[in-house]
Amino acid sequence: MRLVIARCSVDYIGRLTAHLPMAPRLVLIKADGSVSIHADDRAFKPLNWMNPPCKLKEDDGTWTVTHGKTGEKLVLTMEEILHDSSHELGVDPGLIKDGVEAHLQELLAEHITTLGDGYSLIRREYMTAIGPVDILCRDALGATVAVEIKRRGEIDGVEQLTRYLELLNRDPLLAPVRGVFAAQEIKPQARVLATDRGIDCVTLDYDALRGIEPENPTLF
């Protein structure tokens, strides 16, 4: 990963245009080729970014990031570079699941038809360059489905699944791959974001997956 702190302006040129005026900013250039521009706020969300495949060209005072498929561009006008360093992070192991999440993954893999009739398991912990996908499976029509499992489903889990889907959909043997966000509880904001990105949400009943009958059975 390359970290650049610079006083710069940024222009996005594509289906629409956007302009960030001159100011100090952090530019992250990751090993997957993505480029993102950050301010000292907004938590993890960048001001602007370009997902791979894209190419960075550095001319004197001007950096141009061009997307390999759409031709969209980010043009950074560099007034002053304050810091420029590169670091080798290696393969990320992904998030470590707590006991409940790990057991949910195991149970859902065992009872994969919880997601729908005709589902079949490909494998658990399907490894990618950015970490393991909890479950990779196929639906009744044979389409590939990536499942991210959480005890509590929040926005960061949706973002994590989005990154996996972007990577998996580059593999012609798997694509198209759609996503399922599965959790015991899914926060409303996470559900809205998932729906906006075409990701299905499934609420998991831990006890039902374990085969435990409810204490107070109902007719429905």
C-alpha atoms as a PDB file:
ATOM      1  CA  MET A   1       0.000   0.000   0.000  1.00  0.00           C
ATOM      2  CA  ARG A   2       1.204   3.486  -0.874  1.00  0.00           C
ATOM      3  CA  LEU A   3       0.262   6.426   1.358  1.00  0.00           C
ATOM      4  CA  VAL A   4       0.576   9.948   0.007  1.00  0.00           C
ATOM      5  CA  ILE A   5      -0.296  13.079   1.970  1.00  0.00           C
ATOM      6  CA  ALA A   6      -0.495  16.014  -0.402  1.00  0.00           C
ATOM      7  CA  ARG A   7      -2.029  19.404  -0.902  1.00  0.00           C
ATOM      8  CA  CYS A   8      -4.096  18.735  -3.994  1.00  0.00           C
ATOM      9  CA  SER A   9      -7.332  19.266  -5.876  1.00  0.00           C
ATOM     10  CA  VAL A  10      -9.308  16.403  -7.406  1.00  0.00           C
ATOM     11  CA  ASP A  11     -11.558  16.311 -10.472  1.00  0.00           C
ATOM     12  CA  TYR A  12     -13.754  13.350 -11.343  1.00  0.00           C
ATOM     13  CA  ILE A  13     -14.591  13.015 -15.051  1.00  0.00           C
ATOM     14  CA  GLY A  14     -17.155  10.430 -16.079  1.00  0.00           C
ATOM     15  CA  ARG A  15     -20.919  10.056 -16.232  1.00  0.00           C
ATOM     16  CA  LEU A  16     -20.970  13.178 -14.089  1.00  0.00           C
ATOM     17  CA  THR A  17     -18.318  15.589 -12.886  1.00  0.00           C
ATOM     18  CA  ALA A  18     -17.210  16.471  -9.377  1.00  0.00           C
ATOM     19  CA  HIS A  19     -14.541  18.787  -7.999  1.00  0.00           C
ATOM     20  CA  LEU A  20     -12.655  18.816  -4.713  1.00  0.00           C
ATOM     21  CA  PRO A  21     -10.878  22.158  -4.207  1.00  0.00           C
ATOM     22  CA  MET A  22      -7.244  22.471  -3.170  1.00  0.00           C
ATOM     23  CA  ALA A  23      -6.643  21.144   0.373  1.00  0.00           C
ATOM     24  CA  PRO A  24      -4.410  18.698   2.287  1.00  0.00           C
ATOM     25  CA  ARG A  25      -5.596  15.120   1.699  1.00  0.00           C
ATOM     26  CA  LEU A  26      -4.573  11.494   2.093  1.00  0.00           C
ATOM     27  CA  VAL A  27      -4.300   9.440  -1.091  1.00  0.00           C
ATOM     28  CA  LEU A  28      -4.309   5.642  -0.685  1.00  0.00           C
ATOM     29  CA  ILE A  29      -3.058   3.469  -3.549  1.00  0.00           C
ATOM     30  CA  LYS A  30      -3.677  -0.192  -2.742  1.00  0.00           C
ATOM     31  CA  ALA A  31      -2.085  -3.320  -4.154  1.00  0.00           C
ATOM     32  CA  ASP A  32      -5.315  -4.185  -5.991  1.00  0.00           C
ATOM     33  CA  GLY A  33      -4.902  -0.951  -7.995  1.00  0.00           C
ATOM     34  CA  SER A  34      -7.657   1.033  -6.284  1.00  0.00           C
ATOM     35  CA  VAL A  35      -7.100   4.699  -5.516  1.00  0.00           C
ATOM     36  CA  SER A  36      -9.030   6.619  -2.858  1.00  0.00           C
ATOM     37  CA  ILE A  37      -8.840  10.194  -1.557  1.00  0.00           C
ATOM     38  CA  HIS A  38      -9.546  10.898   2.113  1.00  0.00           C
ATOM     39  CA  ALA A  39     -10.040  13.910   4.381  1.00  0.00           C
ATOM     40  CA  ASP A  40      -9.401  13.923   8.132  1.00  0.00           C
ATOM     41  CA  ASP A  41     -13.040  13.061   8.908  1.00  0.00           C
ATOM     42  CA  ARG A  42     -15.925  10.889   7.565  1.00  0.00           C
ATOM     43  CA  ALA A  43     -14.508   7.785   9.318  1.00  0.00           C
ATOM     44  CA  PHE A  44     -13.513   5.237   6.642  1.00  0.00           C
ATOM     45  CA  LYS A  45     -15.477   6.696   3.726  1.00  0.00           C
ATOM     46  CA  PRO A  46     -13.332   8.381   1.033  1.00  0.00           C
ATOM     47  CA  LEU A  47     -14.173  11.698  -0.622  1.00  0.00           C
ATOM     48  CA  ASN A  48     -13.659  10.105  -4.011  1.00  0.00           C
ATOM     49  CA  TRP A  49     -12.223   6.867  -5.324  1.00  0.00           C
ATOM     50  CA  MET A  50     -11.611   4.638  -8.325  1.00  0.00           C
ATOM     51  CA  ASN A  51     -12.083   0.878  -8.091  1.00  0.00           C
ATOM     52  CA  PRO A  52      -9.926  -1.507 -10.121  1.00  0.00           C
ATOM     53  CA  PRO A  53      -9.166  -2.175 -12.870  1.00  0.00           C
ATOM     54  CA  CYS A  54      -7.566   1.231 -13.214  1.00  0.00           C
ATOM     55  CA  LYS A  55      -4.200   2.749 -14.085  1.00  0.00           C
ATOM     56  CA  LEU A  56      -2.332   5.600 -12.406  1.00  0.00           C
ATOM     57  CA  LYS A  57      -0.173   7.890 -14.561  1.00  0.00           C
ATOM     58  CA  GLU A  58       2.042  10.411 -12.769  1.00  0.00           C
ATOM     59  CA  ASP A  59       3.107  13.464 -14.718  1.00  0.00           C
ATOM     60  CA  ASP A  60       4.768  16.560 -13.307  1.00  0.00           C
ATOM     61  CA  GLY A  61       2.198  17.942 -10.876  1.00  0.00           C
ATOM     62  CA  THR A  62      -0.725  15.924 -12.314  1.00  0.00           C
ATOM     63  CA  TRP A  63      -1.816  12.389 -11.463  1.00  0.00           C
ATOM     64  CA  THR A  64      -4.436  10.762 -13.693  1.00  0.00           C
ATOM     65  CA  VAL A  65      -6.289   7.615 -12.636  1.00  0.00           C
ATOM     66  CA  THR A  66      -8.167   5.995 -15.545  1.00  0.00           C
ATOM     67  CA  HIS A  67     -10.629   3.143 -15.186  1.00  0.00           C
ATOM     68  CA  GLY A  68      -9.756   0.298 -17.541  1.00  0.00           C
ATOM     69  CA  LYS A  69     -13.339  -0.486 -18.577  1.00  0.00           C
ATOM     70  CA  THR A  70     -15.346   2.733 -18.373  1.00  0.00           C
ATOM     71  CA  GLY A  71     -12.667   5.313 -19.178  1.00  0.00           C
ATOM     72  CA  GLU A  72     -13.748   7.410 -16.173  1.00  0.00           C
ATOM     73  CA  LYS A  73     -10.953   9.490 -14.668  1.00  0.00           C
ATOM     74  CA  LEU A  74      -9.750  11.018 -11.435  1.00  0.00           C
ATOM     75  CA  VAL A  75      -7.356  13.890 -12.050  1.00  0.00           C
ATOM     76  CA  LEU A  76      -5.290  14.982  -9.049  1.00  0.00           C
ATOM     77  CA  THR A  77      -3.481  18.298  -9.306  1.00  0.00           C
ATOM     78  CA  MET A  78      -0.593  18.123  -6.839  1.00  0.00           C
ATOM     79  CA  GLU A  79       0.490  21.431  -5.379  1.00  0.00           C
ATOM     80  CA  GLU A  80       2.750  19.931  -2.691  1.00  0.00           C
ATOM     81  CA  ILE A  81       3.540  16.385  -1.578  1.00  0.00           C
ATOM     82  CA  LEU A  82       4.087  16.257   2.183  1.00  0.00           C
ATOM     83  CA  HIS A  83       4.590  12.506   2.597  1.00  0.00           C
ATOM     84  CA  ASP A  84       5.027   9.537   0.261  1.00  0.00           C
ATOM     85  CA  SER A  85       5.675   6.006   1.530  1.00  0.00           C
ATOM     86  CA  SER A  86       4.963   2.418   0.532  1.00  0.00           C
ATOM     87  CA  HIS A  87       4.335  -0.548   2.811  1.00  0.00           C
ATOM     88  CA  GLU A  88       3.945  -4.276   2.128  1.00  0.00           C
ATOM     89  CA  LEU A  89       0.952  -5.523   4.129  1.00  0.00           C
ATOM     90  CA  GLY A  90       0.761  -9.068   2.768  1.00  0.00           C
ATOM     91  CA  VAL A  91      -2.404 -11.173   2.575  1.00  0.00           C
ATOM     92  CA  ASP A  92      -5.002 -10.103   5.112  1.00  0.00           C
ATOM     93  CA  PRO A  93      -6.449 -12.984   7.171  1.00  0.00           C
ATOM     94  CA  GLY A  94      -9.873 -11.318   7.306  1.00  0.00           C
ATOM     95  CA  LEU A  95     -12.023 -10.771  10.356  1.00  0.00           C
ATOM     96  CA  ILE A  96     -11.798 -13.362  13.095  1.00  0.00           C
ATOM     97  CA  LYS A  97     -15.249 -14.649  13.960  1.00  0.00           C
ATOM     98  CA  ASP A  98     -16.367 -14.938  17.556  1.00  0.00           C
ATOM     99  CA  GLY A  99     -17.761 -18.258  18.783  1.00  0.00           C
ATOM    100  CA  VAL A 100     -21.339 -17.519  17.798  1.00  0.00           C
ATOM    101  CA  GLU A 101     -20.435 -16.325  14.286  1.00  0.00           C
ATOM    102  CA  ALA A 102     -18.194 -19.327  13.708  1.00  0.00           C
ATOM    103  CA  HIS A 103     -20.958 -21.668  14.857  1.00  0.00           C
ATOM    104  CA  LEU A 104     -23.534 -19.855  12.705  1.00  0.00           C
ATOM    105  CA  GLN A 105     -21.280 -20.395   9.701  1.00  0.00           C
ATOM    106  CA  GLU A 106     -20.923 -24.087  10.493  1.00  0.00           C
ATOM    107  CA  LEU A 107     -24.670 -24.545  11.035  1.00  0.00           C
ATOM    108  CA  LEU A 108     -25.688 -22.613   7.924  1.00  0.00           C
ATOM    109  CA  ALA A 109     -23.259 -24.627   5.807  1.00  0.00           C
ATOM    110  CA  GLU A 110     -24.811 -27.800   7.217  1.00  0.00           C
ATOM    111  CA  HIS A 111     -28.335 -26.510   6.579  1.00  0.00           C
ATOM    112  CA  ILE A 112     -27.678 -24.486   3.437  1.00  0.00           C
ATOM    113  CA  THR A 113     -31.286 -24.844   2.234  1.00  0.00           C
ATOM    114  CA  THR A 114     -32.154 -22.344   4.975  1.00  0.00           C
ATOM    115  CA  LEU A 115     -31.318 -19.803   2.262  1.00  0.00           C
ATOM    116  CA  GLY A 116     -33.802 -21.396  -0.149  1.00  0.00           C
ATOM    117  CA  ASP A 117     -34.844 -24.672  -1.737  1.00  0.00           C
ATOM    118  CA  GLY A 118     -32.287 -26.101  -4.112  1.00  0.00           C
ATOM    119  CA  TYR A 119     -29.248 -24.361  -2.582  1.00  0.00           C
ATOM    120  CA  SER A 120     -26.025 -26.394  -2.468  1.00  0.00           C
ATOM    121  CA  LEU A 121     -22.732 -25.744  -0.686  1.00  0.00           C
ATOM    122  CA  ILE A 122     -19.516 -25.145  -2.643  1.00  0.00           C
ATOM    123  CA  ARG A 123     -17.365 -24.606   0.438  1.00  0.00           C
ATOM    124  CA  ARG A 124     -16.911 -22.726   3.684  1.00  0.00           C
ATOM    125  CA  GLU A 125     -14.106 -20.182   4.109  1.00  0.00           C
ATOM    126  CA  TYR A 126     -13.611 -19.726   0.359  1.00  0.00           C
ATOM    127  CA  MET A 127     -10.261 -17.965   0.190  1.00  0.00           C
ATOM    128  CA  THR A 128      -9.746 -14.799  -1.845  1.00  0.00           C
ATOM    129  CA  ALA A 129      -6.840 -12.371  -2.125  1.00  0.00           C
ATOM    130  CA  ILE A 130      -8.453 -10.155   0.535  1.00  0.00           C
ATOM    131  CA  GLY A 131      -9.622 -12.833   2.955  1.00  0.00           C
ATOM    132  CA  PRO A 132     -12.043 -15.763   3.188  1.00  0.00           C
ATOM    133  CA  VAL A 133     -15.690 -15.598   2.141  1.00  0.00           C
ATOM    134  CA  ASP A 134     -17.742 -17.265   4.888  1.00  0.00           C
ATOM    135  CA  ILE A 135     -19.780 -19.472   2.545  1.00  0.00           C
ATOM    136  CA  LEU A 136     -19.761 -19.911  -1.208  1.00  0.00           C
ATOM    137  CA  CYS A 137     -22.772 -21.804  -2.571  1.00  0.00           C
ATOM    138  CA  ARG A 138     -25.098 -22.172  -5.553  1.00  0.00           C
ATOM    139  CA  ASP A 139     -28.781 -21.377  -5.716  1.00  0.00           C
ATOM    140  CA  ALA A 140     -31.491 -23.522  -7.314  1.00  0.00           C
ATOM    141  CA  LEU A 141     -30.615 -22.123 -10.760  1.00  0.00           C
ATOM    142  CA  GLY A 142     -26.912 -22.897 -10.358  1.00  0.00           C
ATOM    143  CA  ALA A 143     -25.826 -19.271  -9.874  1.00  0.00           C
ATOM    144  CA  THR A 144     -22.953 -18.558  -7.470  1.00  0.00           C
ATOM    145  CA  VAL A 145     -23.836 -16.934  -4.150  1.00  0.00           C
ATOM    146  CA  ALA A 146     -21.379 -15.464  -1.600  1.00  0.00           C
ATOM    147  CA  VAL A 147     -22.656 -15.362   1.984  1.00  0.00           C
ATOM    148  CA  GLU A 148     -21.276 -13.097   4.718  1.00  0.00           C
ATOM    149  CA  ILE A 149     -22.353 -14.119   8.238  1.00  0.00           C
ATOM    150  CA  LYS A 150     -22.511 -11.847  11.281  1.00  0.00           C
ATOM    151  CA  ARG A 151     -24.009 -12.097  14.728  1.00  0.00           C
ATOM    152  CA  ARG A 152     -25.073  -8.470  14.376  1.00  0.00           C
ATOM    153  CA  GLY A 153     -25.324  -7.170  10.816  1.00  0.00           C
ATOM    154  CA  GLU A 154     -24.003  -3.622  10.455  1.00  0.00           C
ATOM    155  CA  ILE A 155     -22.760  -1.404   7.639  1.00  0.00           C
ATOM    156  CA  ASP A 156     -19.143  -2.602   7.873  1.00  0.00           C
ATOM    157  CA  GLY A 157     -20.310  -6.165   7.158  1.00  0.00           C
ATOM    158  CA  VAL A 158     -22.095  -5.003   4.004  1.00  0.00           C
ATOM    159  CA  GLU A 159     -18.948  -3.148   2.925  1.00  0.00           C
ATOM    160  CA  GLN A 160     -16.887  -6.298   3.520  1.00  0.00           C
ATOM    161  CA  LEU A 161     -19.234  -8.413   1.409  1.00  0.00           C
ATOM    162  CA  THR A 162     -19.213  -5.747  -1.328  1.00  0.00           C
ATOM    163  CA  ARG A 163     -15.419  -6.024  -1.564  1.00  0.00           C
ATOM    164  CA  TYR A 164     -15.636  -9.822  -1.834  1.00  0.00           C
ATOM    165  CA  LEU A 165     -18.267  -9.578  -4.585  1.00  0.00           C
ATOM    166  CA  GLU A 166     -16.171  -7.131  -6.604  1.00  0.00           C
ATOM    167  CA  LEU A 167     -13.284  -9.607  -6.486  1.00  0.00           C
ATOM    168  CA  LEU A 168     -15.306 -12.791  -7.077  1.00  0.00           C
ATOM    169  CA  ASN A 169     -17.082 -11.292 -10.083  1.00  0.00           C
ATOM    170  CA  ARG A 170     -13.731 -10.963 -11.861  1.00  0.00           C
ATOM    171  CA  ASP A 171     -13.481 -14.782 -11.961  1.00  0.00           C
ATOM    172  CA  PRO A 172     -15.197 -15.983 -15.166  1.00  0.00           C
ATOM    173  CA  LEU A 173     -15.688 -19.432 -13.612  1.00  0.00           C
ATOM    174  CA  LEU A 174     -17.804 -17.954 -10.803  1.00  0.00           C
ATOM    175  CA  ALA A 175     -19.402 -14.829 -12.279  1.00  0.00           C
ATOM    176  CA  PRO A 176     -22.010 -13.612 -11.966  1.00  0.00           C
ATOM    177  CA  VAL A 177     -21.860 -13.806  -8.169  1.00  0.00           C
ATOM    178  CA  ARG A 178     -24.561 -12.275  -6.000  1.00  0.00           C
ATOM    179  CA  GLY A 179     -24.418 -11.685  -2.270  1.00  0.00           C
ATOM    180  CA  VAL A 180     -26.389 -12.684   0.808  1.00  0.00           C
ATOM    181  CA  PHE A 181     -25.870 -10.848   4.107  1.00  0.00           C
ATOM    182  CA  ALA A 182     -26.941 -13.195   6.919  1.00  0.00           C
ATOM    183  CA  ALA A 183     -27.114 -12.301  10.609  1.00  0.00           C
ATOM    184  CA  GLN A 184     -29.124 -12.869  13.763  1.00  0.00           C
ATOM    185  CA  GLU A 185     -29.948  -9.160  13.754  1.00  0.00           C
ATOM    186  CA  ILE A 186     -29.560  -6.735  10.834  1.00  0.00           C
ATOM    187  CA  LYS A 187     -29.470  -3.010  11.541  1.00  0.00           C
ATOM    188  CA  PRO A 188     -31.860  -0.904   9.414  1.00  0.00           C
ATOM    189  CA  GLN A 189     -29.015   1.155   7.903  1.00  0.00           C
ATOM    190  CA  ALA A 190     -27.171  -2.024   6.903  1.00  0.00           C
ATOM    191  CA  ARG A 191     -30.319  -3.446   5.318  1.00  0.00           C
ATOM    192  CA  VAL A 192     -30.850  -0.253   3.287  1.00  0.00           C
ATOM    193  CA  LEU A 193     -27.237  -0.267   2.053  1.00  0.00           C
ATOM    194  CA  ALA A 194     -27.382  -3.970   1.190  1.00  0.00           C
ATOM    195  CA  THR A 195     -30.628  -3.553  -0.737  1.00  0.00           C
ATOM    196  CA  ASP A 196     -29.172  -0.585  -2.631  1.00  0.00           C
ATOM    197  CA  ARG A 197     -26.248  -2.778  -3.711  1.00  0.00           C
ATOM    198  CA  GLY A 198     -28.416  -5.715  -4.766  1.00  0.00           C
ATOM    199  CA  ILE A 199     -27.460  -7.833  -1.749  1.00  0.00           C
ATOM    200  CA  ASP A 200     -30.151 -10.007  -0.149  1.00  0.00           C
ATOM    201  CA  CYS A 201     -30.575  -9.964   3.639  1.00  0.00           C
ATOM    202  CA  VAL A 202     -31.431 -13.061   5.688  1.00  0.00           C
ATOM    203  CA  THR A 203     -32.145 -13.071   9.423  1.00  0.00           C
ATOM    204  CA  LEU A 204     -30.837 -16.262  11.044  1.00  0.00           C
ATOM    205  CA  ASP A 205     -32.508 -18.042  13.960  1.00  0.00           C
ATOM    206  CA  TYR A 206     -29.604 -19.536  15.908  1.00  0.00           C
ATOM    207  CA  ASP A 207     -31.739 -21.907  17.962  1.00  0.00           C
ATOM    208  CA  ALA A 208     -33.676 -23.130  14.924  1.00  0.00           C
ATOM    209  CA  LEU A 209     -30.410 -23.905  13.110  1.00  0.00           C
ATOM    210  CA  ARG A 210     -29.332 -25.889  16.173  1.00  0.00           C
ATOM    211  CA  GLY A 211     -32.596 -27.823  16.090  1.00  0.00           C
ATOM    212  CA  ILE A 212     -33.933 -26.349  19.343  1.00  0.00           C
ATOM    213  CA  GLU A 213     -37.693 -25.922  19.480  1.00  0.00           C
ATOM    214  CA  PRO A 214     -38.995 -22.585  20.828  1.00  0.00           C
ATOM    215  CA  GLU A 215     -40.094 -22.569  24.488  1.00  0.00           C
ATOM    216  CA  ASN A 216     -43.485 -21.145  23.522  1.00  0.00           C
ATOM    217  CA  PRO A 217     -44.563 -22.709  20.217  1.00  0.00           C
ATOM    218  CA  THR A 218     -47.019 -20.750  18.102  1.00  0.00           C
ATOM    219  CA  LEU A 219     -49.478 -21.825  15.436  1.00  0.00           C
ATOM    220  CA  PHE A 220     -47.728 -19.670  12.815  1.00  0.00           C
END
